[in-house]
């Protein structure tokens, strides 16, 4: 779905897809400025790596497919990250052609991300899944989920962001 009208029929950097029966735990480590290493464990329903790997929890895949209009789809979310990672680490800006296009994307999506961030911080009802306020990369993935699953809502709430996603994906789900 995400590459329907793109000039390629595959995800360029994708090497493998792992599917677990359910949620899976991931341990991450980070070294702080003082050289102390910290480790933490989190449970995930999906994960995408710039090294070409997508990991999915099968029960979350089924739940996402069960309601095509709830705005939650782990497959769409993680494969949006794969597109974002085509130019390196996920940063909310997939590869775009031309300086004007990049500038427009940055302005429109940056403003929409800032609005979601403010709504979440103010405990207001957010226009998108609050997880999108975590980072620009998560905003892109969450906005992509909404674009495909709740296009009327996204177009009404964030019309410029909807237009950017429609241009990027080369589809208009409003007419489906």
C-alpha atoms as a PDB file:
ATOM      1  CA  UNK A   1       0.000   0.000   0.000  1.00  0.00           C
ATOM      2  CA  UNK A   2       2.754   2.471   0.906  1.00  0.00           C
ATOM      3  CA  UNK A   3       4.631   1.914  -2.358  1.00  0.00           C
ATOM      4  CA  UNK A   4       1.588   1.591  -4.624  1.00  0.00           C
ATOM      5  CA  UNK A   5       2.481   4.405  -7.031  1.00  0.00           C
ATOM      6  CA  UNK A   6       6.207   4.696  -6.356  1.00  0.00           C
ATOM      7  CA  UNK A   7       8.739   4.010  -9.106  1.00  0.00           C
ATOM      8  CA  UNK A   8       9.787   0.824  -7.296  1.00  0.00           C
ATOM      9  CA  UNK A   9       7.882  -2.262  -6.220  1.00  0.00           C
ATOM     10  CA  UNK A  10       9.955  -3.046  -3.132  1.00  0.00           C
ATOM     11  CA  UNK A  11      11.447  -1.448  -0.021  1.00  0.00           C
ATOM     12  CA  UNK A  12      15.041  -0.726  -1.024  1.00  0.00           C
ATOM     13  CA  UNK A  13      16.748  -1.341   2.314  1.00  0.00           C
ATOM     14  CA  UNK A  14      14.562  -4.167   3.609  1.00  0.00           C
ATOM     15  CA  UNK A  15      16.422  -7.434   4.208  1.00  0.00           C
ATOM     16  CA  UNK A  16      14.155  -9.359   6.555  1.00  0.00           C
ATOM     17  CA  UNK A  17      10.804  -9.373   8.285  1.00  0.00           C
ATOM     18  CA  UNK A  18      10.509 -11.170  11.599  1.00  0.00           C
ATOM     19  CA  UNK A  19       7.093 -12.040  12.983  1.00  0.00           C
ATOM     20  CA  UNK A  20       6.605 -13.021  16.617  1.00  0.00           C
ATOM     21  CA  UNK A  21       3.314 -14.430  17.957  1.00  0.00           C
ATOM     22  CA  UNK A  22       2.851 -11.484  20.325  1.00  0.00           C
ATOM     23  CA  UNK A  23       4.533  -8.480  21.879  1.00  0.00           C
ATOM     24  CA  UNK A  24       8.270  -8.827  22.321  1.00  0.00           C
ATOM     25  CA  UNK A  25      10.780  -7.306  24.723  1.00  0.00           C
ATOM     26  CA  UNK A  26      13.765  -5.310  23.508  1.00  0.00           C
ATOM     27  CA  UNK A  27      16.752  -4.370  25.658  1.00  0.00           C
ATOM     28  CA  UNK A  28      18.581  -1.170  24.755  1.00  0.00           C
ATOM     29  CA  UNK A  29      21.797   0.242  26.186  1.00  0.00           C
ATOM     30  CA  UNK A  30      23.104   3.779  26.144  1.00  0.00           C
ATOM     31  CA  UNK A  31      26.238   5.359  27.523  1.00  0.00           C
ATOM     32  CA  UNK A  32      25.747   8.777  29.116  1.00  0.00           C
ATOM     33  CA  UNK A  33      28.181  11.709  29.070  1.00  0.00           C
ATOM     34  CA  UNK A  34      29.903  10.414  32.221  1.00  0.00           C
ATOM     35  CA  UNK A  35      30.589   7.060  30.556  1.00  0.00           C
ATOM     36  CA  UNK A  36      27.989   5.186  32.601  1.00  0.00           C
ATOM     37  CA  UNK A  37      26.121   2.582  30.626  1.00  0.00           C
ATOM     38  CA  UNK A  38      22.355   2.372  31.151  1.00  0.00           C
ATOM     39  CA  UNK A  39      20.159  -0.504  30.024  1.00  0.00           C
ATOM     40  CA  UNK A  40      16.384  -0.617  29.809  1.00  0.00           C
ATOM     41  CA  UNK A  41      13.840  -3.097  28.567  1.00  0.00           C
ATOM     42  CA  UNK A  42      10.674  -2.187  26.661  1.00  0.00           C
ATOM     43  CA  UNK A  43       7.846  -4.198  25.185  1.00  0.00           C
ATOM     44  CA  UNK A  44       7.133  -3.585  21.499  1.00  0.00           C
ATOM     45  CA  UNK A  45       4.426  -4.497  19.009  1.00  0.00           C
ATOM     46  CA  UNK A  46       6.660  -3.611  16.091  1.00  0.00           C
ATOM     47  CA  UNK A  47      10.062  -2.256  15.273  1.00  0.00           C
ATOM     48  CA  UNK A  48      11.915  -1.054  12.193  1.00  0.00           C
ATOM     49  CA  UNK A  49      15.657  -0.832  11.799  1.00  0.00           C
ATOM     50  CA  UNK A  50      17.709   1.222   9.366  1.00  0.00           C
ATOM     51  CA  UNK A  51      19.748  -1.965   8.962  1.00  0.00           C
ATOM     52  CA  UNK A  52      16.852  -3.414   6.947  1.00  0.00           C
ATOM     53  CA  UNK A  53      14.793  -5.303   9.490  1.00  0.00           C
ATOM     54  CA  UNK A  54      11.113  -5.069  10.406  1.00  0.00           C
ATOM     55  CA  UNK A  55       9.847  -6.970  13.444  1.00  0.00           C
ATOM     56  CA  UNK A  56       6.108  -7.412  14.005  1.00  0.00           C
ATOM     57  CA  UNK A  57       3.896  -8.972  16.679  1.00  0.00           C
ATOM     58  CA  UNK A  58       1.378 -11.140  14.814  1.00  0.00           C
ATOM     59  CA  UNK A  59      -1.467 -10.406  17.239  1.00  0.00           C
ATOM     60  CA  UNK A  60      -0.900  -6.660  16.656  1.00  0.00           C
ATOM     61  CA  UNK A  61      -0.876  -7.243  12.890  1.00  0.00           C
ATOM     62  CA  UNK A  62      -4.259  -8.982  13.159  1.00  0.00           C
ATOM     63  CA  UNK A  63      -5.665  -6.258  15.423  1.00  0.00           C
ATOM     64  CA  UNK A  64      -4.525  -3.562  13.000  1.00  0.00           C
ATOM     65  CA  UNK A  65      -6.136  -5.341  10.073  1.00  0.00           C
ATOM     66  CA  UNK A  66      -9.371  -6.025  11.958  1.00  0.00           C
ATOM     67  CA  UNK A  67     -10.452  -2.380  11.923  1.00  0.00           C
ATOM     68  CA  UNK A  68      -9.287  -0.525   8.823  1.00  0.00           C
ATOM     69  CA  UNK A  69     -10.588   2.798  10.125  1.00  0.00           C
ATOM     70  CA  UNK A  70      -9.209   3.056  13.674  1.00  0.00           C
ATOM     71  CA  UNK A  71      -5.947   4.741  12.693  1.00  0.00           C
ATOM     72  CA  UNK A  72      -3.799   1.996  14.242  1.00  0.00           C
ATOM     73  CA  UNK A  73      -1.909  -0.399  12.003  1.00  0.00           C
ATOM     74  CA  UNK A  74       1.483  -1.705  13.079  1.00  0.00           C
ATOM     75  CA  UNK A  75       2.350  -2.875   9.552  1.00  0.00           C
ATOM     76  CA  UNK A  76       1.711   0.559   8.023  1.00  0.00           C
ATOM     77  CA  UNK A  77       3.556   2.174  10.940  1.00  0.00           C
ATOM     78  CA  UNK A  78       6.717   0.064  10.721  1.00  0.00           C
ATOM     79  CA  UNK A  79       6.904   0.143   6.929  1.00  0.00           C
ATOM     80  CA  UNK A  80       6.532   3.941   7.034  1.00  0.00           C
ATOM     81  CA  UNK A  81       9.680   3.875   9.163  1.00  0.00           C
ATOM     82  CA  UNK A  82      11.366   1.815   6.436  1.00  0.00           C
ATOM     83  CA  UNK A  83      10.574   4.557   3.917  1.00  0.00           C
ATOM     84  CA  UNK A  84      11.808   7.200   6.367  1.00  0.00           C
ATOM     85  CA  UNK A  85      15.029   5.211   6.824  1.00  0.00           C
ATOM     86  CA  UNK A  86      15.833   5.096   3.106  1.00  0.00           C
ATOM     87  CA  UNK A  87      18.095   8.114   3.673  1.00  0.00           C
ATOM     88  CA  UNK A  88      19.587   7.018   7.018  1.00  0.00           C
ATOM     89  CA  UNK A  89      18.138   6.972  10.509  1.00  0.00           C
ATOM     90  CA  UNK A  90      14.419   7.724  10.805  1.00  0.00           C
ATOM     91  CA  UNK A  91      13.895  11.450  11.302  1.00  0.00           C
ATOM     92  CA  UNK A  92      10.396  12.074   9.966  1.00  0.00           C
ATOM     93  CA  UNK A  93      11.641  13.189   6.562  1.00  0.00           C
ATOM     94  CA  UNK A  94      11.698  10.441   3.952  1.00  0.00           C
ATOM     95  CA  UNK A  95      13.756  11.040   0.805  1.00  0.00           C
ATOM     96  CA  UNK A  96      12.205  13.874  -1.200  1.00  0.00           C
ATOM     97  CA  UNK A  97      13.276  15.416  -4.512  1.00  0.00           C
ATOM     98  CA  UNK A  98      14.195  19.076  -4.733  1.00  0.00           C
ATOM     99  CA  UNK A  99      14.998  21.781  -2.220  1.00  0.00           C
ATOM    100  CA  UNK A 100      11.545  23.370  -2.463  1.00  0.00           C
ATOM    101  CA  UNK A 101       9.855  20.031  -1.743  1.00  0.00           C
ATOM    102  CA  UNK A 102      12.111  19.387   1.240  1.00  0.00           C
ATOM    103  CA  UNK A 103      11.488  22.898   2.589  1.00  0.00           C
ATOM    104  CA  UNK A 104       7.704  22.573   2.226  1.00  0.00           C
ATOM    105  CA  UNK A 105       7.728  19.137   3.917  1.00  0.00           C
ATOM    106  CA  UNK A 106       9.810  20.490   6.796  1.00  0.00           C
ATOM    107  CA  UNK A 107       7.538  23.510   7.283  1.00  0.00           C
ATOM    108  CA  UNK A 108       4.218  21.662   7.033  1.00  0.00           C
ATOM    109  CA  UNK A 109       5.131  18.504   8.905  1.00  0.00           C
ATOM    110  CA  UNK A 110       7.153  20.444  11.479  1.00  0.00           C
ATOM    111  CA  UNK A 111       4.144  22.663  12.246  1.00  0.00           C
ATOM    112  CA  UNK A 112       1.818  19.640  12.507  1.00  0.00           C
ATOM    113  CA  UNK A 113       4.292  17.852  14.787  1.00  0.00           C
ATOM    114  CA  UNK A 114       4.593  20.957  16.990  1.00  0.00           C
ATOM    115  CA  UNK A 115       0.800  21.188  17.210  1.00  0.00           C
ATOM    116  CA  UNK A 116       0.496  17.542  18.295  1.00  0.00           C
ATOM    117  CA  UNK A 117       3.296  18.031  20.803  1.00  0.00           C
ATOM    118  CA  UNK A 118       1.489  21.058  22.292  1.00  0.00           C
ATOM    119  CA  UNK A 119      -1.834  19.199  22.458  1.00  0.00           C
ATOM    120  CA  UNK A 120      -0.244  16.278  24.284  1.00  0.00           C
ATOM    121  CA  UNK A 121       1.645  18.571  26.691  1.00  0.00           C
ATOM    122  CA  UNK A 122      -1.559  20.532  27.437  1.00  0.00           C
ATOM    123  CA  UNK A 123      -3.565  17.299  27.922  1.00  0.00           C
ATOM    124  CA  UNK A 124      -5.901  18.332  25.096  1.00  0.00           C
ATOM    125  CA  UNK A 125      -7.515  15.796  22.770  1.00  0.00           C
ATOM    126  CA  UNK A 126      -4.811  15.220  20.138  1.00  0.00           C
ATOM    127  CA  UNK A 127      -5.453  15.233  16.393  1.00  0.00           C
ATOM    128  CA  UNK A 128      -3.341  12.061  16.031  1.00  0.00           C
ATOM    129  CA  UNK A 129      -2.211   9.200  18.223  1.00  0.00           C
ATOM    130  CA  UNK A 130      -0.219  10.858  21.049  1.00  0.00           C
ATOM    131  CA  UNK A 131       2.684   8.478  20.363  1.00  0.00           C
ATOM    132  CA  UNK A 132       3.415  10.679  17.351  1.00  0.00           C
ATOM    133  CA  UNK A 133       4.608  13.415  19.722  1.00  0.00           C
ATOM    134  CA  UNK A 134       7.521  11.213  20.819  1.00  0.00           C
ATOM    135  CA  UNK A 135       9.714  12.229  17.856  1.00  0.00           C
ATOM    136  CA  UNK A 136       9.438  13.449  14.261  1.00  0.00           C
ATOM    137  CA  UNK A 137      10.036   9.860  13.088  1.00  0.00           C
ATOM    138  CA  UNK A 138       7.098   8.584  15.139  1.00  0.00           C
ATOM    139  CA  UNK A 139       5.003  11.524  13.965  1.00  0.00           C
ATOM    140  CA  UNK A 140       5.599  10.509  10.335  1.00  0.00           C
ATOM    141  CA  UNK A 141       4.668   6.883  11.054  1.00  0.00           C
ATOM    142  CA  UNK A 142       1.543   7.819  13.071  1.00  0.00           C
ATOM    143  CA  UNK A 143       0.471  10.384  10.455  1.00  0.00           C
ATOM    144  CA  UNK A 144       0.907   7.707   7.778  1.00  0.00           C
ATOM    145  CA  UNK A 145      -1.355   5.339   9.720  1.00  0.00           C
ATOM    146  CA  UNK A 146      -3.997   8.054   9.950  1.00  0.00           C
ATOM    147  CA  UNK A 147      -3.543   9.011   6.282  1.00  0.00           C
ATOM    148  CA  UNK A 148      -4.431   5.500   5.136  1.00  0.00           C
ATOM    149  CA  UNK A 149      -6.917   4.509   7.839  1.00  0.00           C
ATOM    150  CA  UNK A 150      -8.619   7.798   8.753  1.00  0.00           C
ATOM    151  CA  UNK A 151      -8.122  10.067   5.745  1.00  0.00           C
ATOM    152  CA  UNK A 152     -11.238  12.191   6.364  1.00  0.00           C
ATOM    153  CA  UNK A 153     -10.131  12.918   9.911  1.00  0.00           C
ATOM    154  CA  UNK A 154      -6.561  13.770   8.908  1.00  0.00           C
ATOM    155  CA  UNK A 155      -7.647  15.937   5.962  1.00  0.00           C
ATOM    156  CA  UNK A 156     -10.019  17.897   8.202  1.00  0.00           C
ATOM    157  CA  UNK A 157      -7.625  18.249  11.146  1.00  0.00           C
ATOM    158  CA  UNK A 158      -4.352  18.777   9.265  1.00  0.00           C
ATOM    159  CA  UNK A 159      -5.156  19.590   5.612  1.00  0.00           C
ATOM    160  CA  UNK A 160      -1.640  20.680   4.680  1.00  0.00           C
ATOM    161  CA  UNK A 161      -0.092  17.571   6.237  1.00  0.00           C
ATOM    162  CA  UNK A 162      -2.679  15.453   4.412  1.00  0.00           C
ATOM    163  CA  UNK A 163      -1.681  17.141   1.124  1.00  0.00           C
ATOM    164  CA  UNK A 164       2.011  16.471   1.791  1.00  0.00           C
ATOM    165  CA  UNK A 165       1.357  12.806   2.520  1.00  0.00           C
ATOM    166  CA  UNK A 166      -0.893  12.526  -0.546  1.00  0.00           C
ATOM    167  CA  UNK A 167       1.861  13.976  -2.698  1.00  0.00           C
ATOM    168  CA  UNK A 168       4.513  11.736  -1.141  1.00  0.00           C
ATOM    169  CA  UNK A 169       2.498   8.515  -1.372  1.00  0.00           C
ATOM    170  CA  UNK A 170       0.979   9.504  -4.740  1.00  0.00           C
ATOM    171  CA  UNK A 171      -2.510   8.449  -3.657  1.00  0.00           C
ATOM    172  CA  UNK A 172      -5.613  10.123  -2.283  1.00  0.00           C
ATOM    173  CA  UNK A 173      -7.442   7.820   0.160  1.00  0.00           C
ATOM    174  CA  UNK A 174     -10.306  10.332   0.366  1.00  0.00           C
ATOM    175  CA  UNK A 175     -11.604   9.040  -2.963  1.00  0.00           C
ATOM    176  CA  UNK A 176     -11.422   5.326  -2.086  1.00  0.00           C
END
